[in-house]
Structure formats: C-alpha cells, structure tokens
C-alpha cells in the first residue's frame, strides 16, 4: 500500500507518526486545503512528467502554481509532457490524488519549484487520497531527496497570498 511505503520512508527520520490521515478526501489541492484548513497555495502538489528515456521526473510545486512550458523547456531541455494516471502509478507507486516524492517505487529525479519558498511549512500528500504531512521547506528538500530548487512554474507570483514571514513580527 502506497501510504505504508511513505510511512516506511519517514521512519528513517522518526517522522512516520507525523503523517496525518483524514476522514475526508485530500486528493485535490482544494480538498486538501479545506481538509487541513490552510490556503491552497500551501499544499505541495507533486506533478509527474516524462523525463529523458523512460524515467519520470517529479516537480513539487505550490498549490497555486502552474507549469510554465517555456521555463520547463529551458530548465530541462525538453517539452513538459505529463504522465498518464497508469504511468504515474507505475513510476511512483502512488495513484493520482496521493502522489508525493516519498516512498517511491523507482528512484526518480525530484525537483522543488521556487513557488513554495514563500512559505515556512507546506503540506504534501503521503501516498493516499486522504493523507498529508506538514514539512518545512528544508525538510521537504531533505526527505524528498530533491536534486535542486527550480523555477518552472507561473501563476503564483501574481497571487496576493501573504507569506507566513510577512505575518510574523520580528523579535
């Protein structure tokens, strides 16, 4: 089971008990945001693309971000082509709605989009359509074994979503 592979993944950091399971669906950004009680932008969605050869690449981005095809091609040198639901399941071991960069079937290249850097913590899925975990940006980078931060999304910069930092008072 996909959720179990994610919990096993988090066990190496003693974080398996931090995986939250919900009674309601968290399969879409909107559902996850409503279930968790945060702005949709703070949901870290994992998008699956055809990489070079037969290996997928995963892009984790803020919930309000969309892939910018021009930026994607400049970053990776090929066109952004998303995987089919069957290919996603085969490559990651996770079904659509629970895809995350943790507990993967295959060793895949994971990249984090800069759209998430405006938040202290984010909520990626954990392998099922009713799970998530709260992680800092640094934890997300570490736990996903991401290769790097990239800038391949659009649509989020125009949003007037205040970052957590701007809401905190310096002490």
Protein backbone atom coordinates (compact mmCIF):
# COMPACT_ATOMS: atom_id res chain seq x y z
CA UNK A 1 0.00 0.00 0.00
CA UNK A 2 1.27 3.41 -1.01
CA UNK A 3 0.59 5.10 2.34
CA UNK A 4 2.59 2.38 4.07
CA UNK A 5 5.59 2.90 1.76
CA UNK A 6 5.52 6.61 2.64
CA UNK A 7 5.36 5.89 6.38
CA UNK A 8 8.28 3.47 5.97
CA UNK A 9 10.17 6.25 4.12
CA UNK A 10 9.61 8.69 7.01
CA UNK A 11 10.66 6.10 9.59
CA UNK A 12 14.34 6.85 8.84
CA UNK A 13 13.80 10.31 10.39
CA UNK A 14 11.38 9.06 13.08
CA UNK A 15 8.58 11.04 11.41
CA UNK A 16 6.21 8.22 10.39
CA UNK A 17 3.75 9.17 13.13
CA UNK A 18 3.56 12.73 11.75
CA UNK A 19 1.70 11.52 8.66
CA UNK A 20 -1.88 12.73 9.01
CA UNK A 21 -4.79 10.62 7.76
CA UNK A 22 -8.16 12.23 7.18
CA UNK A 23 -11.78 11.11 7.07
CA UNK A 24 -12.33 13.31 4.01
CA UNK A 25 -10.51 13.40 0.69
CA UNK A 26 -7.36 15.42 0.21
CA UNK A 27 -6.93 14.29 -3.40
CA UNK A 28 -7.05 17.77 -4.97
CA UNK A 29 -5.34 20.96 -3.87
CA UNK A 30 -8.71 22.46 -2.95
CA UNK A 31 -9.86 19.39 -0.99
CA UNK A 32 -6.54 19.14 0.84
CA UNK A 33 -6.57 22.85 1.74
CA UNK A 34 -10.13 22.59 3.05
CA UNK A 35 -9.42 19.38 4.98
CA UNK A 36 -6.23 20.73 6.57
CA UNK A 37 -7.51 24.29 7.00
CA UNK A 38 -4.81 26.18 5.07
CA UNK A 39 -4.64 28.28 1.92
CA UNK A 40 -4.49 26.16 -1.27
CA UNK A 41 -1.08 27.66 -2.09
CA UNK A 42 0.41 25.82 0.94
CA UNK A 43 -0.46 22.42 -0.49
CA UNK A 44 2.71 20.99 -2.07
CA UNK A 45 1.47 19.20 -5.19
CA UNK A 46 3.63 16.66 -6.97
CA UNK A 47 3.47 16.67 -10.77
CA UNK A 48 4.83 13.77 -12.84
CA UNK A 49 6.47 14.32 -16.23
CA UNK A 50 8.22 12.23 -18.86
CA UNK A 51 11.91 12.63 -18.34
CA UNK A 52 14.74 11.52 -20.55
CA UNK A 53 14.36 7.90 -21.65
CA UNK A 54 11.68 6.05 -19.68
CA UNK A 55 12.32 7.65 -16.30
CA UNK A 56 9.82 10.15 -14.90
CA UNK A 57 10.77 13.37 -13.17
CA UNK A 58 8.74 14.84 -10.35
CA UNK A 59 8.16 18.55 -9.80
CA UNK A 60 6.81 19.56 -6.39
CA UNK A 61 5.15 22.97 -6.55
CA UNK A 62 2.89 25.24 -4.51
CA UNK A 63 -0.81 24.52 -4.88
CA UNK A 64 -1.48 27.75 -6.77
CA UNK A 65 1.35 27.30 -9.30
CA UNK A 66 1.07 26.01 -12.86
CA UNK A 67 3.84 24.63 -15.05
CA UNK A 68 5.29 27.24 -17.42
CA UNK A 69 6.15 25.28 -20.58
CA UNK A 70 8.84 27.75 -21.69
CA UNK A 71 10.60 27.74 -18.28
CA UNK A 72 10.32 23.93 -18.12
CA UNK A 73 11.97 23.52 -21.54
CA UNK A 74 14.73 26.00 -20.60
CA UNK A 75 15.41 24.13 -17.34
CA UNK A 76 15.31 20.54 -18.62
CA UNK A 77 15.91 20.79 -22.37
CA UNK A 78 12.71 19.02 -23.39
CA UNK A 79 8.96 19.64 -23.56
CA UNK A 80 6.82 19.21 -20.43
CA UNK A 81 4.67 16.13 -21.01
CA UNK A 82 2.70 14.82 -18.07
CA UNK A 83 2.38 11.11 -17.42
CA UNK A 84 -0.92 9.27 -17.73
CA UNK A 85 -2.51 8.06 -14.46
CA UNK A 86 -1.31 4.50 -15.20
CA UNK A 87 2.24 5.70 -15.87
CA UNK A 88 2.20 7.76 -12.66
CA UNK A 89 1.19 4.70 -10.64
CA UNK A 90 3.82 2.53 -12.35
CA UNK A 91 6.64 5.07 -11.92
CA UNK A 92 5.88 6.35 -8.42
CA UNK A 93 3.80 3.63 -6.80
CA UNK A 94 1.22 6.28 -5.91
CA UNK A 95 -2.17 6.83 -7.53
CA UNK A 96 -3.31 10.26 -8.71
CA UNK A 97 -4.52 12.23 -5.69
CA UNK A 98 -1.85 10.82 -3.41
CA UNK A 99 1.30 11.34 -5.47
CA UNK A 100 4.25 12.58 -3.44
CA UNK A 101 8.05 12.44 -3.63
CA UNK A 102 8.29 9.94 -0.75
CA UNK A 103 8.32 6.13 -0.68
CA UNK A 104 8.63 5.88 -4.46
CA UNK A 105 8.59 2.64 -6.49
CA UNK A 106 11.56 3.83 -8.55
CA UNK A 107 14.44 6.17 -7.92
CA UNK A 108 13.22 9.30 -9.67
CA UNK A 109 14.65 12.79 -10.02
CA UNK A 110 12.71 15.17 -7.80
CA UNK A 111 12.83 18.97 -8.14
CA UNK A 112 11.22 21.57 -5.90
CA UNK A 113 9.75 24.68 -7.52
CA UNK A 114 10.60 28.08 -6.04
CA UNK A 115 6.86 28.81 -5.76
CA UNK A 116 6.99 27.04 -2.38
CA UNK A 117 9.80 29.15 -0.93
CA UNK A 118 7.43 31.87 0.30
CA UNK A 119 6.08 29.50 2.99
CA UNK A 120 7.75 28.21 6.14
CA UNK A 121 5.75 24.98 6.03
CA UNK A 122 3.86 23.11 3.32
CA UNK A 123 1.62 20.06 3.13
CA UNK A 124 2.49 17.37 0.59
CA UNK A 125 0.36 14.25 0.18
CA UNK A 126 1.60 10.97 1.66
CA UNK A 127 0.67 8.34 -0.91
CA UNK A 128 -3.10 8.24 -0.47
CA UNK A 129 -6.08 10.45 -1.31
CA UNK A 130 -6.61 11.25 2.38
CA UNK A 131 -3.17 11.94 3.84
CA UNK A 132 -0.59 14.69 4.24
CA UNK A 133 2.33 15.78 6.39
CA UNK A 134 3.42 19.26 7.46
CA UNK A 135 7.04 19.90 6.47
CA UNK A 136 9.35 22.89 6.40
CA UNK A 137 10.99 23.79 3.08
CA UNK A 138 14.26 22.29 4.31
CA UNK A 139 12.56 19.09 5.45
CA UNK A 140 10.82 18.78 2.10
CA UNK A 141 14.19 19.14 0.36
CA UNK A 142 15.82 16.55 2.64
CA UNK A 143 13.02 13.99 2.82
CA UNK A 144 12.29 14.05 -0.93
CA UNK A 145 15.97 13.66 -1.84
CA UNK A 146 15.31 16.52 -4.29
CA UNK A 147 18.11 17.38 -6.70
CA UNK A 148 17.53 21.14 -6.56
CA UNK A 149 15.17 24.10 -6.43
CA UNK A 150 13.97 25.10 -9.92
CA UNK A 151 11.85 27.90 -11.37
CA UNK A 152 9.44 26.18 -13.78
CA UNK A 153 6.04 27.49 -12.68
CA UNK A 154 3.83 30.51 -13.29
CA UNK A 155 0.63 31.92 -11.89
CA UNK A 156 1.68 32.02 -8.28
CA UNK A 157 3.60 35.30 -8.34
CA UNK A 158 0.52 37.29 -9.31
CA UNK A 159 -1.43 35.87 -6.40
CA UNK A 160 -1.62 38.19 -3.44
CA UNK A 161 -1.11 35.41 -0.90
CA UNK A 162 0.73 36.80 2.10
CA UNK A 163 3.66 34.67 3.14
CA UNK A 164 3.95 33.48 6.70
CA UNK A 165 7.07 35.57 7.10
CA UNK A 166 5.25 38.81 6.33
CA UNK A 167 2.70 37.98 9.00
CA UNK A 168 5.28 37.41 11.72
CA UNK A 169 6.71 40.21 13.78
CA UNK A 170 10.46 40.37 14.15
CA UNK A 171 11.57 39.96 17.75
